[in-house]
Amino acid sequence: MPRPSRKQAILEALANEHRREMVILRSVGARPLDVFILIVGESTMLTLTGIAAGVALLYGLLVVSQPFVLSAFGLFIAIGGLSLHELMLIVVVGLAGALIGVIPGYRIYRCSLADGMTIRL
């Protein structure tokens, strides 16, 4: 069996730490549904933050580069709002980010407290 790469090892370690955090929440009284909602909410917020940062970066770079492109190449870049197609893509990406959080949320929802309290090597 091939040895996992460093990146895979780091991701696995982070996943184990996250799993243990959720089990600790369960041990102090959080219901499985609460932990599930927490995981899906975290995934959704990360996705929405990424979308907002991407749109802000896009328009920021357009505003900064517009005069340079006009003077250097003679091309005028019109800066307009997001089209309906782009808004629909943003909604699809947001829903996909929320939906992808269901997978780890369900895995943690199924876990018993004993699963997270044992240390895996």
PDB file of N, CA and C in Angstrom:
ATOM      1  N   MET A   1       0.848  -1.181   0.000  1.00  0.00           N
ATOM      2  CA  MET A   1       0.000   0.000   0.000  1.00  0.00           C
ATOM      3  C   MET A   1       0.894   1.244   0.000  1.00  0.00           C
ATOM      4  N   PRO A   2       0.662   2.188  -0.929  1.00  0.00           N
ATOM      5  CA  PRO A   2       1.528   3.370  -1.003  1.00  0.00           C
ATOM      6  C   PRO A   2       1.334   4.276   0.214  1.00  0.00           C
ATOM      7  N   ARG A   3       2.405   4.922   0.565  1.00  0.00           N
ATOM      8  CA  ARG A   3       2.382   5.851   1.684  1.00  0.00           C
ATOM      9  C   ARG A   3       1.604   7.108   1.282  1.00  0.00           C
ATOM     10  N   PRO A   4       0.721   7.622   2.162  1.00  0.00           N
ATOM     11  CA  PRO A   4      -0.022   8.831   1.789  1.00  0.00           C
ATOM     12  C   PRO A   4       0.906  10.032   1.677  1.00  0.00           C
ATOM     13  N   SER A   5       0.525  10.933   0.797  1.00  0.00           N
ATOM     14  CA  SER A   5       1.328  12.142   0.623  1.00  0.00           C
ATOM     15  C   SER A   5       1.210  13.021   1.863  1.00  0.00           C
ATOM     16  N   ARG A   6       2.064  13.993   1.950  1.00  0.00           N
ATOM     17  CA  ARG A   6       2.041  14.900   3.105  1.00  0.00           C
ATOM     18  C   ARG A   6       0.710  15.659   3.179  1.00  0.00           C
ATOM     19  N   LYS A   7       0.219  16.067   2.018  1.00  0.00           N
ATOM     20  CA  LYS A   7      -1.049  16.796   1.976  1.00  0.00           C
ATOM     21  C   LYS A   7      -2.198  15.917   2.467  1.00  0.00           C
ATOM     22  N   GLN A   8      -2.217  14.653   2.044  1.00  0.00           N
ATOM     23  CA  GLN A   8      -3.254  13.740   2.505  1.00  0.00           C
ATOM     24  C   GLN A   8      -3.151  13.512   3.997  1.00  0.00           C
ATOM     25  N   ALA A   9      -1.932  13.396   4.509  1.00  0.00           N
ATOM     26  CA  ALA A   9      -1.743  13.182   5.940  1.00  0.00           C
ATOM     27  C   ALA A   9      -2.241  14.386   6.742  1.00  0.00           C
ATOM     28  N   ILE A  10      -1.978  15.579   6.241  1.00  0.00           N
ATOM     29  CA  ILE A  10      -2.440  16.794   6.923  1.00  0.00           C
ATOM     30  C   ILE A  10      -3.957  16.860   6.903  1.00  0.00           C
ATOM     31  N   LEU A  11      -4.569  16.583   5.749  1.00  0.00           N
ATOM     32  CA  LEU A  11      -6.024  16.618   5.664  1.00  0.00           C
ATOM     33  C   LEU A  11      -6.664  15.581   6.580  1.00  0.00           C
ATOM     34  N   GLU A  12      -6.062  14.409   6.655  1.00  0.00           N
ATOM     35  CA  GLU A  12      -6.595  13.371   7.539  1.00  0.00           C
ATOM     36  C   GLU A  12      -6.481  13.789   9.000  1.00  0.00           C
ATOM     37  N   ALA A  13      -5.367  14.409   9.359  1.00  0.00           N
ATOM     38  CA  ALA A  13      -5.188  14.881  10.734  1.00  0.00           C
ATOM     39  C   ALA A  13      -6.209  15.958  11.075  1.00  0.00           C
ATOM     40  N   LEU A  14      -6.458  16.872  10.129  1.00  0.00           N
ATOM     41  CA  LEU A  14      -7.459  17.916  10.358  1.00  0.00           C
ATOM     42  C   LEU A  14      -8.851  17.321  10.498  1.00  0.00           C
ATOM     43  N   ALA A  15      -9.167  16.324   9.685  1.00  0.00           N
ATOM     44  CA  ALA A  15     -10.476  15.679   9.767  1.00  0.00           C
ATOM     45  C   ALA A  15     -10.649  14.972  11.104  1.00  0.00           C
ATOM     46  N   ASN A  16      -9.596  14.316  11.572  1.00  0.00           N
ATOM     47  CA  ASN A  16      -9.674  13.645  12.871  1.00  0.00           C
ATOM     48  C   ASN A  16      -9.868  14.641  14.007  1.00  0.00           C
ATOM     49  N   GLU A  17      -9.165  15.774  13.944  1.00  0.00           N
ATOM     50  CA  GLU A  17      -9.336  16.807  14.966  1.00  0.00           C
ATOM     51  C   GLU A  17     -10.744  17.365  14.954  1.00  0.00           C
ATOM     52  N   HIS A  18     -11.271  17.588  13.769  1.00  0.00           N
ATOM     53  CA  HIS A  18     -12.633  18.111  13.644  1.00  0.00           C
ATOM     54  C   HIS A  18     -13.640  17.097  14.191  1.00  0.00           C
ATOM     55  N   ARG A  19     -13.416  15.841  13.892  1.00  0.00           N
ATOM     56  CA  ARG A  19     -14.298  14.788  14.391  1.00  0.00           C
ATOM     57  C   ARG A  19     -14.277  14.761  15.915  1.00  0.00           C
ATOM     58  N   ARG A  20     -13.093  14.890  16.485  1.00  0.00           N
ATOM     59  CA  ARG A  20     -12.985  14.887  17.948  1.00  0.00           C
ATOM     60  C   ARG A  20     -13.670  16.103  18.557  1.00  0.00           C
ATOM     61  N   GLU A  21     -13.576  17.255  17.905  1.00  0.00           N
ATOM     62  CA  GLU A  21     -14.263  18.452  18.402  1.00  0.00           C
ATOM     63  C   GLU A  21     -15.768  18.226  18.454  1.00  0.00           C
ATOM     64  N   MET A  22     -16.296  17.605  17.409  1.00  0.00           N
ATOM     65  CA  MET A  22     -17.735  17.368  17.361  1.00  0.00           C
ATOM     66  C   MET A  22     -18.163  16.348  18.421  1.00  0.00           C
ATOM     67  N   VAL A  23     -17.331  15.360  18.667  1.00  0.00           N
ATOM     68  CA  VAL A  23     -17.645  14.379  19.707  1.00  0.00           C
ATOM     69  C   VAL A  23     -17.614  15.036  21.078  1.00  0.00           C
ATOM     70  N   ILE A  24     -16.695  15.970  21.283  1.00  0.00           N
ATOM     71  CA  ILE A  24     -16.661  16.701  22.553  1.00  0.00           C
ATOM     72  C   ILE A  24     -17.946  17.512  22.720  1.00  0.00           C
ATOM     73  N   LEU A  25     -18.399  18.140  21.651  1.00  0.00           N
ATOM     74  CA  LEU A  25     -19.679  18.858  21.723  1.00  0.00           C
ATOM     75  C   LEU A  25     -20.809  17.907  22.107  1.00  0.00           C
ATOM     76  N   ARG A  26     -20.811  16.722  21.500  1.00  0.00           N
ATOM     77  CA  ARG A  26     -21.826  15.723  21.835  1.00  0.00           C
ATOM     78  C   ARG A  26     -21.730  15.317  23.306  1.00  0.00           C
ATOM     79  N   SER A  27     -20.504  15.205  23.819  1.00  0.00           N
ATOM     80  CA  SER A  27     -20.330  14.746  25.196  1.00  0.00           C
ATOM     81  C   SER A  27     -20.800  15.775  26.216  1.00  0.00           C
ATOM     82  N   VAL A  28     -20.844  17.040  25.825  1.00  0.00           N
ATOM     83  CA  VAL A  28     -21.326  18.064  26.757  1.00  0.00           C
ATOM     84  C   VAL A  28     -22.798  18.395  26.536  1.00  0.00           C
ATOM     85  N   GLY A  29     -23.472  17.587  25.709  1.00  0.00           N
ATOM     86  CA  GLY A  29     -24.922  17.721  25.619  1.00  0.00           C
ATOM     87  C   GLY A  29     -25.505  18.130  24.287  1.00  0.00           C
ATOM     88  N   ALA A  30     -24.675  18.363  23.276  1.00  0.00           N
ATOM     89  CA  ALA A  30     -25.221  18.729  21.964  1.00  0.00           C
ATOM     90  C   ALA A  30     -25.866  17.497  21.330  1.00  0.00           C
ATOM     91  N   ARG A  31     -27.034  17.691  20.748  1.00  0.00           N
ATOM     92  CA  ARG A  31     -27.716  16.579  20.076  1.00  0.00           C
ATOM     93  C   ARG A  31     -27.046  16.316  18.730  1.00  0.00           C
ATOM     94  N   PRO A  32     -27.201  15.104  18.204  1.00  0.00           N
ATOM     95  CA  PRO A  32     -26.613  14.813  16.885  1.00  0.00           C
ATOM     96  C   PRO A  32     -27.106  15.766  15.801  1.00  0.00           C
ATOM     97  N   LEU A  33     -28.375  16.167  15.861  1.00  0.00           N
ATOM     98  CA  LEU A  33     -28.906  17.102  14.870  1.00  0.00           C
ATOM     99  C   LEU A  33     -28.224  18.466  14.976  1.00  0.00           C
ATOM    100  N   ASP A  34     -27.929  18.896  16.204  1.00  0.00           N
ATOM    101  CA  ASP A  34     -27.229  20.171  16.394  1.00  0.00           C
ATOM    102  C   ASP A  34     -25.847  20.144  15.741  1.00  0.00           C
ATOM    103  N   VAL A  35     -25.142  19.032  15.917  1.00  0.00           N
ATOM    104  CA  VAL A  35     -23.805  18.897  15.332  1.00  0.00           C
ATOM    105  C   VAL A  35     -23.904  18.837  13.808  1.00  0.00           C
ATOM    106  N   PHE A  36     -24.910  18.133  13.294  1.00  0.00           N
ATOM    107  CA  PHE A  36     -25.140  18.061  11.851  1.00  0.00           C
ATOM    108  C   PHE A  36     -25.378  19.460  11.284  1.00  0.00           C
ATOM    109  N   ILE A  37     -26.234  20.228  11.927  1.00  0.00           N
ATOM    110  CA  ILE A  37     -26.538  21.593  11.474  1.00  0.00           C
ATOM    111  C   ILE A  37     -25.282  22.468  11.552  1.00  0.00           C
ATOM    112  N   LEU A  38     -24.469  22.265  12.572  1.00  0.00           N
ATOM    113  CA  LEU A  38     -23.227  23.020  12.708  1.00  0.00           C
ATOM    114  C   LEU A  38     -22.281  22.748  11.542  1.00  0.00           C
ATOM    115  N   ILE A  39     -22.149  21.486  11.160  1.00  0.00           N
ATOM    116  CA  ILE A  39     -21.255  21.119  10.050  1.00  0.00           C
ATOM    117  C   ILE A  39     -21.769  21.682   8.728  1.00  0.00           C
ATOM    118  N   VAL A  40     -23.064  21.517   8.463  1.00  0.00           N
ATOM    119  CA  VAL A  40     -23.640  22.030   7.213  1.00  0.00           C
ATOM    120  C   VAL A  40     -23.578  23.558   7.193  1.00  0.00           C
ATOM    121  N   GLY A  41     -23.818  24.191   8.325  1.00  0.00           N
ATOM    122  CA  GLY A  41     -23.722  25.651   8.402  1.00  0.00           C
ATOM    123  C   GLY A  41     -22.319  26.153   8.157  1.00  0.00           C
ATOM    124  N   GLU A  42     -21.340  25.438   8.694  1.00  0.00           N
ATOM    125  CA  GLU A  42     -19.946  25.813   8.465  1.00  0.00           C
ATOM    126  C   GLU A  42     -19.587  25.707   6.984  1.00  0.00           C
ATOM    127  N   SER A  43     -20.019  24.640   6.351  1.00  0.00           N
ATOM    128  CA  SER A  43     -19.769  24.459   4.922  1.00  0.00           C
ATOM    129  C   SER A  43     -20.435  25.570   4.108  1.00  0.00           C
ATOM    130  N   THR A  44     -21.659  25.889   4.466  1.00  0.00           N
ATOM    131  CA  THR A  44     -22.396  26.938   3.755  1.00  0.00           C
ATOM    132  C   THR A  44     -21.731  28.297   3.929  1.00  0.00           C
ATOM    133  N   MET A  45     -21.326  28.616   5.155  1.00  0.00           N
ATOM    134  CA  MET A  45     -20.689  29.912   5.399  1.00  0.00           C
ATOM    135  C   MET A  45     -19.340  30.028   4.686  1.00  0.00           C
ATOM    136  N   LEU A  46     -18.576  28.942   4.651  1.00  0.00           N
ATOM    137  CA  LEU A  46     -17.310  28.976   3.915  1.00  0.00           C
ATOM    138  C   LEU A  46     -17.555  29.201   2.425  1.00  0.00           C
ATOM    139  N   THR A  47     -18.579  28.551   1.899  1.00  0.00           N
ATOM    140  CA  THR A  47     -18.902  28.715   0.482  1.00  0.00           C
ATOM    141  C   THR A  47     -19.351  30.138   0.183  1.00  0.00           C
ATOM    142  N   LEU A  48     -20.234  30.666   1.012  1.00  0.00           N
ATOM    143  CA  LEU A  48     -20.738  32.032   0.790  1.00  0.00           C
ATOM    144  C   LEU A  48     -19.623  33.068   0.949  1.00  0.00           C
ATOM    145  N   THR A  49     -18.724  32.834   1.893  1.00  0.00           N
ATOM    146  CA  THR A  49     -17.580  33.740   2.066  1.00  0.00           C
ATOM    147  C   THR A  49     -16.676  33.700   0.839  1.00  0.00           C
ATOM    148  N   GLY A  50     -16.459  32.506   0.309  1.00  0.00           N
ATOM    149  CA  GLY A  50     -15.653  32.375  -0.909  1.00  0.00           C
ATOM    150  C   GLY A  50     -16.300  33.064  -2.100  1.00  0.00           C
ATOM    151  N   ILE A  51     -17.620  32.926  -2.214  1.00  0.00           N
ATOM    152  CA  ILE A  51     -18.336  33.589  -3.315  1.00  0.00           C
ATOM    153  C   ILE A  51     -18.215  35.104  -3.185  1.00  0.00           C
ATOM    154  N   ALA A  52     -18.451  35.615  -1.982  1.00  0.00           N
ATOM    155  CA  ALA A  52     -18.375  37.062  -1.770  1.00  0.00           C
ATOM    156  C   ALA A  52     -16.964  37.586  -2.032  1.00  0.00           C
ATOM    157  N   ALA A  53     -15.951  36.858  -1.557  1.00  0.00           N
ATOM    158  CA  ALA A  53     -14.569  37.286  -1.790  1.00  0.00           C
ATOM    159  C   ALA A  53     -14.228  37.240  -3.274  1.00  0.00           C
ATOM    160  N   GLY A  54     -14.710  36.221  -3.977  1.00  0.00           N
ATOM    161  CA  GLY A  54     -14.440  36.107  -5.409  1.00  0.00           C
ATOM    162  C   GLY A  54     -15.070  37.234  -6.207  1.00  0.00           C
ATOM    163  N   VAL A  55     -16.314  37.560  -5.900  1.00  0.00           N
ATOM    164  CA  VAL A  55     -16.999  38.648  -6.620  1.00  0.00           C
ATOM    165  C   VAL A  55     -16.337  39.986  -6.295  1.00  0.00           C
ATOM    166  N   ALA A  56     -15.999  40.200  -5.021  1.00  0.00           N
ATOM    167  CA  ALA A  56     -15.347  41.453  -4.633  1.00  0.00           C
ATOM    168  C   ALA A  56     -13.975  41.583  -5.307  1.00  0.00           C
ATOM    169  N   LEU A  57     -13.229  40.488  -5.356  1.00  0.00           N
ATOM    170  CA  LEU A  57     -11.923  40.509  -6.010  1.00  0.00           C
ATOM    171  C   LEU A  57     -12.056  40.754  -7.510  1.00  0.00           C
ATOM    172  N   LEU A  58     -13.062  40.149  -8.123  1.00  0.00           N
ATOM    173  CA  LEU A  58     -13.301  40.358  -9.554  1.00  0.00           C
ATOM    174  C   LEU A  58     -13.541  41.832  -9.856  1.00  0.00           C
ATOM    175  N   TYR A  59     -14.478  42.441  -9.134  1.00  0.00           N
ATOM    176  CA  TYR A  59     -14.793  43.837  -9.423  1.00  0.00           C
ATOM    177  C   TYR A  59     -13.665  44.771  -9.014  1.00  0.00           C
ATOM    178  N   GLY A  60     -12.957  44.446  -7.930  1.00  0.00           N
ATOM    179  CA  GLY A  60     -11.812  45.257  -7.528  1.00  0.00           C
ATOM    180  C   GLY A  60     -10.725  45.258  -8.586  1.00  0.00           C
ATOM    181  N   LEU A  61     -10.413  44.070  -9.101  1.00  0.00           N
ATOM    182  CA  LEU A  61      -9.389  43.987 -10.152  1.00  0.00           C
ATOM    183  C   LEU A  61      -9.851  44.639 -11.452  1.00  0.00           C
ATOM    184  N   LEU A  62     -11.131  44.532 -11.765  1.00  0.00           N
ATOM    185  CA  LEU A  62     -11.636  45.201 -12.963  1.00  0.00           C
ATOM    186  C   LEU A  62     -11.494  46.716 -12.853  1.00  0.00           C
ATOM    187  N   VAL A  63     -11.831  47.268 -11.693  1.00  0.00           N
ATOM    188  CA  VAL A  63     -11.737  48.717 -11.499  1.00  0.00           C
ATOM    189  C   VAL A  63     -10.275  49.170 -11.560  1.00  0.00           C
ATOM    190  N   VAL A  64      -9.379  48.385 -10.953  1.00  0.00           N
ATOM    191  CA  VAL A  64      -7.962  48.762 -10.936  1.00  0.00           C
ATOM    192  C   VAL A  64      -7.335  48.612 -12.318  1.00  0.00           C
ATOM    193  N   SER A  65      -7.681  47.551 -13.034  1.00  0.00           N
ATOM    194  CA  SER A  65      -7.016  47.290 -14.316  1.00  0.00           C
ATOM    195  C   SER A  65      -7.665  48.007 -15.499  1.00  0.00           C
ATOM    196  N   GLN A  66      -8.852  48.545 -15.343  1.00  0.00           N
ATOM    197  CA  GLN A  66      -9.538  49.190 -16.462  1.00  0.00           C
ATOM    198  C   GLN A  66      -8.723  50.322 -17.087  1.00  0.00           C
ATOM    199  N   PRO A  67      -8.181  51.261 -16.305  1.00  0.00           N
ATOM    200  CA  PRO A  67      -7.386  52.331 -16.932  1.00  0.00           C
ATOM    201  C   PRO A  67      -6.114  51.819 -17.607  1.00  0.00           C
ATOM    202  N   PHE A  68      -5.455  50.828 -17.007  1.00  0.00           N
ATOM    203  CA  PHE A  68      -4.238  50.277 -17.599  1.00  0.00           C
ATOM    204  C   PHE A  68      -4.527  49.605 -18.932  1.00  0.00           C
ATOM    205  N   VAL A  69      -5.572  48.806 -18.990  1.00  0.00           N
ATOM    206  CA  VAL A  69      -5.920  48.112 -20.233  1.00  0.00           C
ATOM    207  C   VAL A  69      -6.310  49.131 -21.306  1.00  0.00           C
ATOM    208  N   LEU A  70      -7.013  50.185 -20.918  1.00  0.00           N
ATOM    209  CA  LEU A  70      -7.404  51.219 -21.882  1.00  0.00           C
ATOM    210  C   LEU A  70      -6.184  51.937 -22.434  1.00  0.00           C
ATOM    211  N   SER A  71      -5.231  52.301 -21.567  1.00  0.00           N
ATOM    212  CA  SER A  71      -4.067  53.051 -22.050  1.00  0.00           C
ATOM    213  C   SER A  71      -3.062  52.151 -22.781  1.00  0.00           C
ATOM    214  N   ALA A  72      -2.883  50.933 -22.327  1.00  0.00           N
ATOM    215  CA  ALA A  72      -1.879  50.064 -22.925  1.00  0.00           C
ATOM    216  C   ALA A  72      -2.356  49.398 -24.212  1.00  0.00           C
ATOM    217  N   PHE A  73      -3.625  48.993 -24.242  1.00  0.00           N
ATOM    218  CA  PHE A  73      -4.120  48.221 -25.388  1.00  0.00           C
ATOM    219  C   PHE A  73      -5.248  48.908 -26.151  1.00  0.00           C
ATOM    220  N   GLY A  74      -5.759  49.997 -25.613  1.00  0.00           N
ATOM    221  CA  GLY A  74      -6.849  50.697 -26.276  1.00  0.00           C
ATOM    222  C   GLY A  74      -8.181  49.967 -26.159  1.00  0.00           C
ATOM    223  N   LEU A  75      -8.284  49.074 -25.207  1.00  0.00           N
ATOM    224  CA  LEU A  75      -9.535  48.331 -25.000  1.00  0.00           C
ATOM    225  C   LEU A  75     -10.256  48.862 -23.773  1.00  0.00           C
ATOM    226  N   PHE A  76     -11.527  49.175 -23.958  1.00  0.00           N
ATOM    227  CA  PHE A  76     -12.335  49.625 -22.829  1.00  0.00           C
ATOM    228  C   PHE A  76     -13.090  48.440 -22.260  1.00  0.00           C
ATOM    229  N   ILE A  77     -12.913  48.199 -20.978  1.00  0.00           N
ATOM    230  CA  ILE A  77     -13.618  47.111 -20.302  1.00  0.00           C
ATOM    231  C   ILE A  77     -14.814  47.720 -19.567  1.00  0.00           C
ATOM    232  N   ALA A  78     -15.997  47.404 -20.034  1.00  0.00           N
ATOM    233  CA  ALA A  78     -17.203  47.899 -19.384  1.00  0.00           C
ATOM    234  C   ALA A  78     -17.463  47.067 -18.127  1.00  0.00           C
ATOM    235  N   ILE A  79     -17.675  47.769 -17.034  1.00  0.00           N
ATOM    236  CA  ILE A  79     -17.947  47.086 -15.771  1.00  0.00           C
ATOM    237  C   ILE A  79     -19.432  47.213 -15.483  1.00  0.00           C
ATOM    238  N   GLY A  80     -20.115  46.102 -15.546  1.00  0.00           N
ATOM    239  CA  GLY A  80     -21.544  46.082 -15.276  1.00  0.00           C
ATOM    240  C   GLY A  80     -21.850  45.134 -14.134  1.00  0.00           C
ATOM    241  N   GLY A  81     -23.109  45.026 -13.833  1.00  0.00           N
ATOM    242  CA  GLY A  81     -23.533  44.113 -12.779  1.00  0.00           C
ATOM    243  C   GLY A  81     -23.471  42.669 -13.245  1.00  0.00           C
ATOM    244  N   LEU A  82     -23.755  41.778 -12.326  1.00  0.00           N
ATOM    245  CA  LEU A  82     -23.777  40.360 -12.656  1.00  0.00           C
ATOM    246  C   LEU A  82     -25.001  40.046 -13.504  1.00  0.00           C
ATOM    247  N   SER A  83     -24.805  39.207 -14.509  1.00  0.00           N
ATOM    248  CA  SER A  83     -25.920  38.818 -15.366  1.00  0.00           C
ATOM    249  C   SER A  83     -26.758  37.758 -14.654  1.00  0.00           C
ATOM    250  N   LEU A  84     -27.916  37.460 -15.207  1.00  0.00           N
ATOM    251  CA  LEU A  84     -28.790  36.439 -14.639  1.00  0.00           C
ATOM    252  C   LEU A  84     -28.095  35.079 -14.649  1.00  0.00           C
ATOM    253  N   HIS A  85     -27.363  34.793 -15.713  1.00  0.00           N
ATOM    254  CA  HIS A  85     -26.635  33.528 -15.802  1.00  0.00           C
ATOM    255  C   HIS A  85     -25.584  33.427 -14.694  1.00  0.00           C
ATOM    256  N   GLU A  86     -24.849  34.509 -14.452  1.00  0.00           N
ATOM    257  CA  GLU A  86     -23.833  34.505 -13.405  1.00  0.00           C
ATOM    258  C   GLU A  86     -24.462  34.369 -12.021  1.00  0.00           C
ATOM    259  N   LEU A  87     -25.593  35.033 -11.815  1.00  0.00           N
ATOM    260  CA  LEU A  87     -26.302  34.895 -10.539  1.00  0.00           C
ATOM    261  C   LEU A  87     -26.778  33.465 -10.321  1.00  0.00           C
ATOM    262  N   MET A  88     -27.251  32.825 -11.387  1.00  0.00           N
ATOM    263  CA  MET A  88     -27.680  31.434 -11.267  1.00  0.00           C
ATOM    264  C   MET A  88     -26.492  30.523 -10.953  1.00  0.00           C
ATOM    265  N   LEU A  89     -25.336  30.797 -11.562  1.00  0.00           N
ATOM    266  CA  LEU A  89     -24.137  30.023 -11.246  1.00  0.00           C
ATOM    267  C   LEU A  89     -23.730  30.201  -9.788  1.00  0.00           C
ATOM    268  N   ILE A  90     -23.840  31.411  -9.287  1.00  0.00           N
ATOM    269  CA  ILE A  90     -23.519  31.672  -7.883  1.00  0.00           C
ATOM    270  C   ILE A  90     -24.455  30.894  -6.969  1.00  0.00           C
ATOM    271  N   VAL A  91     -25.739  30.861  -7.305  1.00  0.00           N
ATOM    272  CA  VAL A  91     -26.706  30.097  -6.508  1.00  0.00           C
ATOM    273  C   VAL A  91     -26.373  28.606  -6.539  1.00  0.00           C
ATOM    274  N   VAL A  92     -26.028  28.099  -7.724  1.00  0.00           N
ATOM    275  CA  VAL A  92     -25.691  26.671  -7.853  1.00  0.00           C
ATOM    276  C   VAL A  92     -24.441  26.347  -7.027  1.00  0.00           C
ATOM    277  N   VAL A  93     -23.433  27.208  -7.077  1.00  0.00           N
ATOM    278  CA  VAL A  93     -22.220  26.979  -6.288  1.00  0.00           C
ATOM    279  C   VAL A  93     -22.546  27.040  -4.795  1.00  0.00           C
ATOM    280  N   GLY A  94     -23.377  27.981  -4.389  1.00  0.00           N
ATOM    281  CA  GLY A  94     -23.773  28.079  -2.986  1.00  0.00           C
ATOM    282  C   GLY A  94     -24.519  26.839  -2.512  1.00  0.00           C
ATOM    283  N   LEU A  95     -25.445  26.356  -3.338  1.00  0.00           N
ATOM    284  CA  LEU A  95     -26.171  25.134  -2.987  1.00  0.00           C
ATOM    285  C   LEU A  95     -25.251  23.923  -2.956  1.00  0.00           C
ATOM    286  N   ALA A  96     -24.307  23.863  -3.888  1.00  0.00           N
ATOM    287  CA  ALA A  96     -23.355  22.748  -3.902  1.00  0.00           C
ATOM    288  C   ALA A  96     -22.487  22.769  -2.645  1.00  0.00           C
ATOM    289  N   GLY A  97     -22.078  23.945  -2.208  1.00  0.00           N
ATOM    290  CA  GLY A  97     -21.283  24.053  -0.981  1.00  0.00           C
ATOM    291  C   GLY A  97     -22.065  23.618   0.238  1.00  0.00           C
ATOM    292  N   ALA A  98     -23.353  23.969   0.291  1.00  0.00           N
ATOM    293  CA  ALA A  98     -24.193  23.530   1.406  1.00  0.00           C
ATOM    294  C   ALA A  98     -24.427  22.032   1.341  1.00  0.00           C
ATOM    295  N   LEU A  99     -24.658  21.525   0.149  1.00  0.00           N
ATOM    296  CA  LEU A  99     -24.940  20.102  -0.019  1.00  0.00           C
ATOM    297  C   LEU A  99     -23.721  19.243   0.294  1.00  0.00           C
ATOM    298  N   ILE A 100     -22.539  19.719  -0.054  1.00  0.00           N
ATOM    299  CA  ILE A 100     -21.336  18.926   0.206  1.00  0.00           C
ATOM    300  C   ILE A 100     -21.073  18.819   1.704  1.00  0.00           C
ATOM    301  N   GLY A 101     -21.588  19.750   2.479  1.00  0.00           N
ATOM    302  CA  GLY A 101     -21.448  19.671   3.934  1.00  0.00           C
ATOM    303  C   GLY A 101     -22.314  18.591   4.553  1.00  0.00           C
ATOM    304  N   VAL A 102     -23.286  18.091   3.805  1.00  0.00           N
ATOM    305  CA  VAL A 102     -24.161  17.035   4.319  1.00  0.00           C
ATOM    306  C   VAL A 102     -23.387  15.733   4.520  1.00  0.00           C
ATOM    307  N   ILE A 103     -22.400  15.466   3.672  1.00  0.00           N
ATOM    308  CA  ILE A 103     -21.654  14.198   3.757  1.00  0.00           C
ATOM    309  C   ILE A 103     -20.907  14.077   5.091  1.00  0.00           C
ATOM    310  N   PRO A 104     -20.027  15.028   5.439  1.00  0.00           N
ATOM    311  CA  PRO A 104     -19.379  14.892   6.755  1.00  0.00           C
ATOM    312  C   PRO A 104     -20.357  15.081   7.908  1.00  0.00           C
ATOM    313  N   GLY A 105     -21.376  15.887   7.694  1.00  0.00           N
ATOM    314  CA  GLY A 105     -22.387  16.066   8.732  1.00  0.00           C
ATOM    315  C   GLY A 105     -23.100  14.765   9.050  1.00  0.00           C
ATOM    316  N   TYR A 106     -23.438  14.010   8.031  1.00  0.00           N
ATOM    317  CA  TYR A 106     -24.101  12.727   8.235  1.00  0.00           C
ATOM    318  C   TYR A 106     -23.159  11.721   8.891  1.00  0.00           C
ATOM    319  N   ARG A 107     -21.898  11.730   8.474  1.00  0.00           N
ATOM    320  CA  ARG A 107     -20.928  10.809   9.081  1.00  0.00           C
ATOM    321  C   ARG A 107     -20.777  11.082  10.570  1.00  0.00           C
ATOM    322  N   ILE A 108     -20.730  12.350  10.953  1.00  0.00           N
ATOM    323  CA  ILE A 108     -20.611  12.698  12.365  1.00  0.00           C
ATOM    324  C   ILE A 108     -21.934  12.439  13.086  1.00  0.00           C
ATOM    325  N   TYR A 109     -23.048  12.646  12.403  1.00  0.00           N
ATOM    326  CA  TYR A 109     -24.364  12.376  12.981  1.00  0.00           C
ATOM    327  C   TYR A 109     -24.477  10.905  13.388  1.00  0.00           C
ATOM    328  N   ARG A 110     -23.922  10.020  12.560  1.00  0.00           N
ATOM    329  CA  ARG A 110     -23.974   8.578  12.817  1.00  0.00           C
ATOM    330  C   ARG A 110     -23.020   8.132  13.907  1.00  0.00           C
ATOM    331  N   CYS A 111     -21.957   8.883  14.141  1.00  0.00           N
ATOM    332  CA  CYS A 111     -20.927   8.460  15.094  1.00  0.00           C
ATOM    333  C   CYS A 111     -21.483   8.381  16.507  1.00  0.00           C
ATOM    334  N   SER A 112     -21.019   7.372  17.216  1.00  0.00           N
ATOM    335  CA  SER A 112     -21.331   7.310  18.640  1.00  0.00           C
ATOM    336  C   SER A 112     -20.251   8.076  19.392  1.00  0.00           C
ATOM    337  N   LEU A 113     -20.499   8.341  20.655  1.00  0.00           N
ATOM    338  CA  LEU A 113     -19.506   9.065  21.442  1.00  0.00           C
ATOM    339  C   LEU A 113     -18.211   8.271  21.585  1.00  0.00           C
ATOM    340  N   ALA A 114     -18.325   6.967  21.670  1.00  0.00           N
ATOM    341  CA  ALA A 114     -17.134   6.121  21.832  1.00  0.00           C
ATOM    342  C   ALA A 114     -16.227   6.187  20.603  1.00  0.00           C
ATOM    343  N   ASP A 115     -16.814   6.379  19.407  1.00  0.00           N
ATOM    344  CA  ASP A 115     -16.006   6.462  18.186  1.00  0.00           C
ATOM    345  C   ASP A 115     -15.032   7.625  18.224  1.00  0.00           C
ATOM    346  N   GLY A 116     -15.442   8.730  18.780  1.00  0.00           N
ATOM    347  CA  GLY A 116     -14.580   9.907  18.778  1.00  0.00           C
ATOM    348  C   GLY A 116     -13.643   9.990  19.957  1.00  0.00           C
ATOM    349  N   MET A 117     -13.920   9.232  20.987  1.00  0.00           N
ATOM    350  CA  MET A 117     -13.076   9.296  22.162  1.00  0.00           C
ATOM    351  C   MET A 117     -11.830   8.419  22.050  1.00  0.00           C
ATOM    352  N   THR A 118     -11.832   7.483  21.123  1.00  0.00           N
ATOM    353  CA  THR A 118     -10.655   6.631  20.948  1.00  0.00           C
ATOM    354  C   THR A 118      -9.671   7.308  20.016  1.00  0.00           C
ATOM    355  N   ILE A 119      -8.412   7.126  20.280  1.00  0.00           N
ATOM    356  CA  ILE A 119      -7.361   7.711  19.455  1.00  0.00           C
ATOM    357  C   ILE A 119      -6.971   6.707  18.397  1.00  0.00           C
ATOM    358  N   ARG A 120      -7.020   7.139  17.140  1.00  0.00           N
ATOM    359  CA  ARG A 120      -6.648   6.274  16.026  1.00  0.00           C
ATOM    360  C   ARG A 120      -5.242   6.606  15.575  1.00  0.00           C
ATOM    361  N   LEU A 121      -4.441   5.607  15.427  1.00  0.00           N
ATOM    362  CA  LEU A 121      -3.067   5.803  14.963  1.00  0.00           C
ATOM    363  C   LEU A 121      -2.912   5.373  13.543  1.00  0.00           C
TER     364      LEU A 121
END
